[in-house]
Amino acid sequence: MNMMRLAALAFSLLPLCGYSYDDDLEAPDVTLYVEAHGVRSDFSEFDGDNANGLRLRFGMLFNEPAFSRWHWGVEGGINQFGESNNISSVTEPGQGFPVISQTTKRDKETRLNGFEFGARLYDGEMFYLRGGAFIYSLKEKSELTVTQLLSDTSTTTFSLTPEAETISSVAPYVGAGIIYPVIDKSASILLEYNYYYVDNKPLDNLAVGIEFRF
């Protein structure tokens, strides 16, 4: 009975929906764009080094200026920030006979990738600002190798159980870029800097890429 009442109510509202439809409603005036970047990220805050990666971004820019000559846009991207490796070693005195000293070598691997969603503010010529949220997966793996120097000058080496951790969360980012058209404005090259705050640590990111507008 309740389903029949709901159906009757829906049919009674159909004329109202017809009256509320505006056939003069225009589609928003927007420009679509796609970008491909080569990126270089600084993993020094994660005990790593610089790493090369890729970014693919899609966006929509509103052609009507929001204020003065500035235009708003929305965008999303897929980031593969690459893999950073860092090898370090620490030598300590042995804890007892016959071990004279012990060297622990640590091989740390850091990987970062994810999706970003945000907004862009474009001056209509060459400069833009951007910011948003980065949904990331941070993978860190450490392999430890221990080498002991014995009293008879011989050595023994063994590996400890690898340590691995994956952190998935959301981080903010801000950035700025310069874009230069090479074919009207349909194809452009760009240089971009971004600052991500991943796992409560800063990560700087530089990118060089190409943009196509439709």
C-alpha atoms as a PDB file:
ATOM      1  CA  MET A   1       0.000   0.000   0.000  1.00  0.00           C
ATOM      2  CA  ASN A   2       2.830   2.400   0.859  1.00  0.00           C
ATOM      3  CA  MET A   3       4.535   1.688  -2.480  1.00  0.00           C
ATOM      4  CA  MET A   4       1.317   2.515  -4.336  1.00  0.00           C
ATOM      5  CA  ARG A   5       0.987   5.777  -2.443  1.00  0.00           C
ATOM      6  CA  LEU A   6       4.568   6.737  -3.273  1.00  0.00           C
ATOM      7  CA  ALA A   7       4.007   5.907  -6.944  1.00  0.00           C
ATOM      8  CA  ALA A   8       0.845   8.020  -7.025  1.00  0.00           C
ATOM      9  CA  LEU A   9       2.692  10.916  -5.384  1.00  0.00           C
ATOM     10  CA  ALA A  10       5.530  10.666  -7.915  1.00  0.00           C
ATOM     11  CA  PHE A  11       3.118  10.765 -10.855  1.00  0.00           C
ATOM     12  CA  SER A  12       1.312  13.756  -9.344  1.00  0.00           C
ATOM     13  CA  LEU A  13       4.615  15.669  -9.179  1.00  0.00           C
ATOM     14  CA  LEU A  14       5.523  15.062 -12.822  1.00  0.00           C
ATOM     15  CA  PRO A  15       3.636  18.139 -14.098  1.00  0.00           C
ATOM     16  CA  LEU A  16       5.495  20.302 -11.595  1.00  0.00           C
ATOM     17  CA  CYS A  17       8.820  18.946 -12.860  1.00  0.00           C
ATOM     18  CA  GLY A  18       7.784  19.877 -16.396  1.00  0.00           C
ATOM     19  CA  TYR A  19       6.930  23.406 -15.383  1.00  0.00           C
ATOM     20  CA  SER A  20      10.268  23.800 -13.526  1.00  0.00           C
ATOM     21  CA  TYR A  21      12.333  22.772 -16.551  1.00  0.00           C
ATOM     22  CA  ASP A  22      14.026  25.705 -18.266  1.00  0.00           C
ATOM     23  CA  ASP A  23      14.748  24.950 -21.917  1.00  0.00           C
ATOM     24  CA  ASP A  24      16.814  28.160 -22.130  1.00  0.00           C
ATOM     25  CA  LEU A  25      19.349  26.873 -19.618  1.00  0.00           C
ATOM     26  CA  GLU A  26      22.832  27.070 -21.201  1.00  0.00           C
ATOM     27  CA  ALA A  27      25.718  24.726 -20.597  1.00  0.00           C
ATOM     28  CA  PRO A  28      28.625  26.289 -18.696  1.00  0.00           C
ATOM     29  CA  ASP A  29      31.364  27.831 -20.835  1.00  0.00           C
ATOM     30  CA  VAL A  30      34.390  25.702 -19.978  1.00  0.00           C
ATOM     31  CA  THR A  31      37.663  24.520 -21.450  1.00  0.00           C
ATOM     32  CA  LEU A  32      38.814  20.961 -20.807  1.00  0.00           C
ATOM     33  CA  TYR A  33      42.492  20.125 -20.487  1.00  0.00           C
ATOM     34  CA  VAL A  34      44.759  17.156 -19.980  1.00  0.00           C
ATOM     35  CA  GLU A  35      48.386  17.299 -18.818  1.00  0.00           C
ATOM     36  CA  ALA A  36      51.304  14.863 -18.655  1.00  0.00           C
ATOM     37  CA  HIS A  37      54.213  15.660 -16.321  1.00  0.00           C
ATOM     38  CA  GLY A  38      57.633  14.350 -15.568  1.00  0.00           C
ATOM     39  CA  VAL A  39      58.224  15.024 -11.858  1.00  0.00           C
ATOM     40  CA  ARG A  40      61.149  15.031  -9.443  1.00  0.00           C
ATOM     41  CA  SER A  41      60.467  14.757  -5.724  1.00  0.00           C
ATOM     42  CA  ASP A  42      62.702  15.388  -2.720  1.00  0.00           C
ATOM     43  CA  PHE A  43      62.461  12.502  -0.227  1.00  0.00           C
ATOM     44  CA  SER A  44      65.115  13.847   2.157  1.00  0.00           C
ATOM     45  CA  GLU A  45      62.549  14.152   4.987  1.00  0.00           C
ATOM     46  CA  PHE A  46      61.868  10.427   4.561  1.00  0.00           C
ATOM     47  CA  ASP A  47      65.553   9.458   4.826  1.00  0.00           C
ATOM     48  CA  GLY A  48      65.701   9.166   1.058  1.00  0.00           C
ATOM     49  CA  ASP A  49      67.037  10.944  -1.998  1.00  0.00           C
ATOM     50  CA  ASN A  50      65.510  12.606  -5.056  1.00  0.00           C
ATOM     51  CA  ALA A  51      63.289  10.375  -7.174  1.00  0.00           C
ATOM     52  CA  ASN A  52      61.766  10.699 -10.636  1.00  0.00           C
ATOM     53  CA  GLY A  53      58.119  10.010 -11.351  1.00  0.00           C
ATOM     54  CA  LEU A  54      55.068  10.784 -13.497  1.00  0.00           C
ATOM     55  CA  ARG A  55      51.775  12.657 -13.189  1.00  0.00           C
ATOM     56  CA  LEU A  56      48.652  12.580 -15.378  1.00  0.00           C
ATOM     57  CA  ARG A  57      46.092  15.339 -14.756  1.00  0.00           C
ATOM     58  CA  PHE A  58      42.615  16.173 -16.065  1.00  0.00           C
ATOM     59  CA  GLY A  59      40.870  19.492 -15.514  1.00  0.00           C
ATOM     60  CA  MET A  60      38.084  21.872 -16.418  1.00  0.00           C
ATOM     61  CA  LEU A  61      38.621  25.644 -16.595  1.00  0.00           C
ATOM     62  CA  PHE A  62      35.702  28.082 -16.468  1.00  0.00           C
ATOM     63  CA  ASN A  63      36.092  30.638 -19.264  1.00  0.00           C
ATOM     64  CA  GLU A  64      34.049  33.313 -17.487  1.00  0.00           C
ATOM     65  CA  PRO A  65      36.434  35.264 -15.195  1.00  0.00           C
ATOM     66  CA  ALA A  66      35.664  34.897 -11.493  1.00  0.00           C
ATOM     67  CA  PHE A  67      37.106  38.337 -10.736  1.00  0.00           C
ATOM     68  CA  SER A  68      39.195  40.688 -12.828  1.00  0.00           C
ATOM     69  CA  ARG A  69      41.027  38.431 -15.296  1.00  0.00           C
ATOM     70  CA  TRP A  70      41.330  35.394 -12.992  1.00  0.00           C
ATOM     71  CA  HIS A  71      39.616  32.126 -13.900  1.00  0.00           C
ATOM     72  CA  TRP A  72      38.668  29.236 -11.647  1.00  0.00           C
ATOM     73  CA  GLY A  73      39.114  25.593 -12.542  1.00  0.00           C
ATOM     74  CA  VAL A  74      38.799  22.142 -10.990  1.00  0.00           C
ATOM     75  CA  GLU A  75      41.203  19.272 -11.614  1.00  0.00           C
ATOM     76  CA  GLY A  76      42.257  15.799 -10.584  1.00  0.00           C
ATOM     77  CA  GLY A  77      45.378  13.781 -11.185  1.00  0.00           C
ATOM     78  CA  ILE A  78      47.153  10.456 -10.784  1.00  0.00           C
ATOM     79  CA  ASN A  79      50.603  10.688  -9.213  1.00  0.00           C
ATOM     80  CA  GLN A  80      53.432   8.171  -9.284  1.00  0.00           C
ATOM     81  CA  PHE A  81      56.246   9.919  -7.436  1.00  0.00           C
ATOM     82  CA  GLY A  82      58.723   7.119  -7.978  1.00  0.00           C
ATOM     83  CA  GLU A  83      60.968   5.136  -5.674  1.00  0.00           C
ATOM     84  CA  SER A  84      63.707   6.513  -3.438  1.00  0.00           C
ATOM     85  CA  ASN A  85      66.504   4.289  -2.085  1.00  0.00           C
ATOM     86  CA  ASN A  86      68.913   5.182   0.669  1.00  0.00           C
ATOM     87  CA  ILE A  87      71.731   3.026   2.056  1.00  0.00           C
ATOM     88  CA  SER A  88      73.317   3.904   5.392  1.00  0.00           C
ATOM     89  CA  SER A  89      75.490   2.055   7.900  1.00  0.00           C
ATOM     90  CA  VAL A  90      76.351   2.380  11.588  1.00  0.00           C
ATOM     91  CA  THR A  91      79.347   0.737  13.308  1.00  0.00           C
ATOM     92  CA  GLU A  92      79.213   0.094  17.023  1.00  0.00           C
ATOM     93  CA  PRO A  93      81.523  -1.690  19.511  1.00  0.00           C
ATOM     94  CA  GLY A  94      80.760  -5.337  20.113  1.00  0.00           C
ATOM     95  CA  GLN A  95      78.625  -6.234  23.119  1.00  0.00           C
ATOM     96  CA  GLY A  96      80.960  -8.995  24.253  1.00  0.00           C
ATOM     97  CA  PHE A  97      83.720 -11.444  23.346  1.00  0.00           C
ATOM     98  CA  PRO A  98      84.439 -12.555  20.652  1.00  0.00           C
ATOM     99  CA  VAL A  99      82.626  -9.732  18.779  1.00  0.00           C
ATOM    100  CA  ILE A 100      84.925  -6.691  18.467  1.00  0.00           C
ATOM    101  CA  SER A 101      82.571  -4.484  16.428  1.00  0.00           C
ATOM    102  CA  GLN A 102      79.220  -4.682  14.678  1.00  0.00           C
ATOM    103  CA  THR A 103      78.181  -2.836  11.490  1.00  0.00           C
ATOM    104  CA  THR A 104      74.501  -2.547  10.648  1.00  0.00           C
ATOM    105  CA  LYS A 105      73.699  -1.607   7.035  1.00  0.00           C
ATOM    106  CA  ARG A 106      70.222  -0.251   6.370  1.00  0.00           C
ATOM    107  CA  ASP A 107      68.744  -0.242   2.846  1.00  0.00           C
ATOM    108  CA  LYS A 108      65.546   1.847   2.926  1.00  0.00           C
ATOM    109  CA  GLU A 109      63.080   1.989   0.036  1.00  0.00           C
ATOM    110  CA  THR A 110      60.324   4.637  -0.082  1.00  0.00           C
ATOM    111  CA  ARG A 111      57.463   4.735  -2.593  1.00  0.00           C
ATOM    112  CA  LEU A 112      54.717   7.341  -2.852  1.00  0.00           C
ATOM    113  CA  ASN A 113      51.703   7.440  -5.141  1.00  0.00           C
ATOM    114  CA  GLY A 114      48.091   8.515  -5.058  1.00  0.00           C
ATOM    115  CA  PHE A 115      45.315  10.723  -6.405  1.00  0.00           C
ATOM    116  CA  GLU A 116      44.879  14.458  -6.018  1.00  0.00           C
ATOM    117  CA  PHE A 117      41.760  16.620  -6.313  1.00  0.00           C
ATOM    118  CA  GLY A 118      41.738  20.393  -6.150  1.00  0.00           C
ATOM    119  CA  ALA A 119      41.195  23.782  -7.715  1.00  0.00           C
ATOM    120  CA  ARG A 120      43.210  26.058  -9.983  1.00  0.00           C
ATOM    121  CA  LEU A 121      43.260  29.850 -10.191  1.00  0.00           C
ATOM    122  CA  TYR A 122      44.559  30.967 -13.611  1.00  0.00           C
ATOM    123  CA  ASP A 123      45.403  34.545 -14.591  1.00  0.00           C
ATOM    124  CA  GLY A 124      44.342  33.966 -18.207  1.00  0.00           C
ATOM    125  CA  GLU A 125      47.885  34.339 -19.552  1.00  0.00           C
ATOM    126  CA  MET A 126      50.866  32.431 -18.113  1.00  0.00           C
ATOM    127  CA  PHE A 127      50.565  32.015 -14.336  1.00  0.00           C
ATOM    128  CA  TYR A 128      48.394  29.825 -12.120  1.00  0.00           C
ATOM    129  CA  LEU A 129      48.014  28.776  -8.489  1.00  0.00           C
ATOM    130  CA  ARG A 130      46.619  25.459  -7.308  1.00  0.00           C
ATOM    131  CA  GLY A 131      45.743  23.580  -4.130  1.00  0.00           C
ATOM    132  CA  GLY A 132      43.718  20.690  -2.829  1.00  0.00           C
ATOM    133  CA  ALA A 133      43.867  17.258  -1.222  1.00  0.00           C
ATOM    134  CA  PHE A 134      46.225  14.365  -1.986  1.00  0.00           C
ATOM    135  CA  ILE A 135      44.942  10.854  -1.229  1.00  0.00           C
ATOM    136  CA  TYR A 136      48.186   8.912  -0.941  1.00  0.00           C
ATOM    137  CA  SER A 137      49.780   5.568  -0.211  1.00  0.00           C
ATOM    138  CA  LEU A 138      53.252   5.803   1.366  1.00  0.00           C
ATOM    139  CA  LYS A 139      55.226   2.551   1.437  1.00  0.00           C
ATOM    140  CA  GLU A 140      58.471   2.282   3.402  1.00  0.00           C
ATOM    141  CA  LYS A 141      60.603  -0.857   3.587  1.00  0.00           C
ATOM    142  CA  SER A 142      63.921  -1.304   5.396  1.00  0.00           C
ATOM    143  CA  GLU A 143      66.294  -4.251   5.031  1.00  0.00           C
ATOM    144  CA  LEU A 144      68.961  -4.620   7.725  1.00  0.00           C
ATOM    145  CA  THR A 145      72.246  -6.512   7.278  1.00  0.00           C
ATOM    146  CA  VAL A 146      74.586  -7.008  10.245  1.00  0.00           C
ATOM    147  CA  THR A 147      78.318  -7.708   9.849  1.00  0.00           C
ATOM    148  CA  GLN A 148      80.296  -8.654  12.958  1.00  0.00           C
ATOM    149  CA  LEU A 149      84.084  -8.447  13.259  1.00  0.00           C
ATOM    150  CA  LEU A 150      85.342 -11.242  15.529  1.00  0.00           C
ATOM    151  CA  SER A 151      88.459 -11.385  17.685  1.00  0.00           C
ATOM    152  CA  ASP A 152      90.235 -13.670  15.198  1.00  0.00           C
ATOM    153  CA  THR A 153      89.681 -10.948  12.489  1.00  0.00           C
ATOM    154  CA  SER A 154      87.079 -13.083  10.727  1.00  0.00           C
ATOM    155  CA  THR A 155      83.616 -11.707   9.946  1.00  0.00           C
ATOM    156  CA  THR A 156      80.118 -13.064  10.043  1.00  0.00           C
ATOM    157  CA  THR A 157      77.142 -11.556   8.233  1.00  0.00           C
ATOM    158  CA  PHE A 158      73.414 -12.113   8.702  1.00  0.00           C
ATOM    159  CA  SER A 159      70.176 -10.345   7.781  1.00  0.00           C
ATOM    160  CA  LEU A 160      67.430  -9.234  10.145  1.00  0.00           C
ATOM    161  CA  THR A 161      63.734  -9.478   9.393  1.00  0.00           C
ATOM    162  CA  PRO A 162      62.792  -6.677   6.933  1.00  0.00           C
ATOM    163  CA  GLU A 163      60.674  -3.873   8.342  1.00  0.00           C
ATOM    164  CA  ALA A 164      57.775  -2.703   6.150  1.00  0.00           C
ATOM    165  CA  GLU A 165      55.009  -0.154   6.650  1.00  0.00           C
ATOM    166  CA  THR A 166      52.263   1.268   4.439  1.00  0.00           C
ATOM    167  CA  ILE A 167      50.474   4.486   5.372  1.00  0.00           C
ATOM    168  CA  SER A 168      47.331   5.604   3.538  1.00  0.00           C
ATOM    169  CA  SER A 169      45.873   9.004   4.325  1.00  0.00           C
ATOM    170  CA  VAL A 170      44.967  12.435   2.954  1.00  0.00           C
ATOM    171  CA  ALA A 171      47.424  15.337   2.756  1.00  0.00           C
ATOM    172  CA  PRO A 172      47.068  18.970   1.663  1.00  0.00           C
ATOM    173  CA  TYR A 173      49.064  20.456  -1.184  1.00  0.00           C
ATOM    174  CA  VAL A 174      49.665  23.873  -2.737  1.00  0.00           C
ATOM    175  CA  GLY A 175      51.488  24.779  -5.914  1.00  0.00           C
ATOM    176  CA  ALA A 176      52.216  27.319  -8.603  1.00  0.00           C
ATOM    177  CA  GLY A 177      53.060  27.072 -12.268  1.00  0.00           C
ATOM    178  CA  ILE A 178      54.029  28.927 -15.427  1.00  0.00           C
ATOM    179  CA  ILE A 179      52.485  27.876 -18.723  1.00  0.00           C
ATOM    180  CA  TYR A 180      53.629  28.928 -22.199  1.00  0.00           C
ATOM    181  CA  PRO A 181      51.576  28.268 -25.357  1.00  0.00           C
ATOM    182  CA  VAL A 182      53.378  26.697 -28.308  1.00  0.00           C
ATOM    183  CA  ILE A 183      50.330  26.211 -30.581  1.00  0.00           C
ATOM    184  CA  ASP A 184      47.872  29.007 -29.805  1.00  0.00           C
ATOM    185  CA  LYS A 185      46.518  27.863 -26.441  1.00  0.00           C
ATOM    186  CA  SER A 186      45.635  24.358 -27.524  1.00  0.00           C
ATOM    187  CA  ALA A 187      49.104  23.011 -26.678  1.00  0.00           C
ATOM    188  CA  SER A 188      51.434  24.460 -24.055  1.00  0.00           C
ATOM    189  CA  ILE A 189      54.518  23.571 -22.072  1.00  0.00           C
ATOM    190  CA  LEU A 190      54.601  24.191 -18.345  1.00  0.00           C
ATOM    191  CA  LEU A 191      56.899  24.356 -15.339  1.00  0.00           C
ATOM    192  CA  GLU A 192      55.336  23.673 -11.948  1.00  0.00           C
ATOM    193  CA  TYR A 193      56.294  23.545  -8.252  1.00  0.00           C
ATOM    194  CA  ASN A 194      54.217  21.769  -5.589  1.00  0.00           C
ATOM    195  CA  TYR A 195      54.468  21.417  -1.823  1.00  0.00           C
ATOM    196  CA  TYR A 196      52.875  18.330  -0.266  1.00  0.00           C
ATOM    197  CA  TYR A 197      52.554  17.662   3.460  1.00  0.00           C
ATOM    198  CA  VAL A 198      52.677  13.881   3.604  1.00  0.00           C
ATOM    199  CA  ASP A 199      52.631  12.010   6.918  1.00  0.00           C
ATOM    200  CA  ASN A 200      53.374  15.315   8.732  1.00  0.00           C
ATOM    201  CA  LYS A 201      56.496  15.832   6.633  1.00  0.00           C
ATOM    202  CA  PRO A 202      57.126  18.273   3.752  1.00  0.00           C
ATOM    203  CA  LEU A 203      57.762  16.950   0.265  1.00  0.00           C
ATOM    204  CA  ASP A 204      58.887  19.298  -2.530  1.00  0.00           C
ATOM    205  CA  ASN A 205      58.002  18.431  -6.073  1.00  0.00           C
ATOM    206  CA  LEU A 206      59.096  19.943  -9.406  1.00  0.00           C
ATOM    207  CA  ALA A 207      57.419  19.123 -12.713  1.00  0.00           C
ATOM    208  CA  VAL A 208      57.917  19.793 -16.404  1.00  0.00           C
ATOM    209  CA  GLY A 209      55.067  18.873 -18.701  1.00  0.00           C
ATOM    210  CA  ILE A 210      52.776  19.517 -21.616  1.00  0.00           C
ATOM    211  CA  GLU A 211      49.121  20.546 -21.637  1.00  0.00           C
ATOM    212  CA  PHE A 212      46.453  20.066 -24.284  1.00  0.00           C
ATOM    213  CA  ARG A 213      43.185  22.068 -24.228  1.00  0.00           C
ATOM    214  CA  PHE A 214      39.923  21.132 -25.896  1.00  0.00           C
END
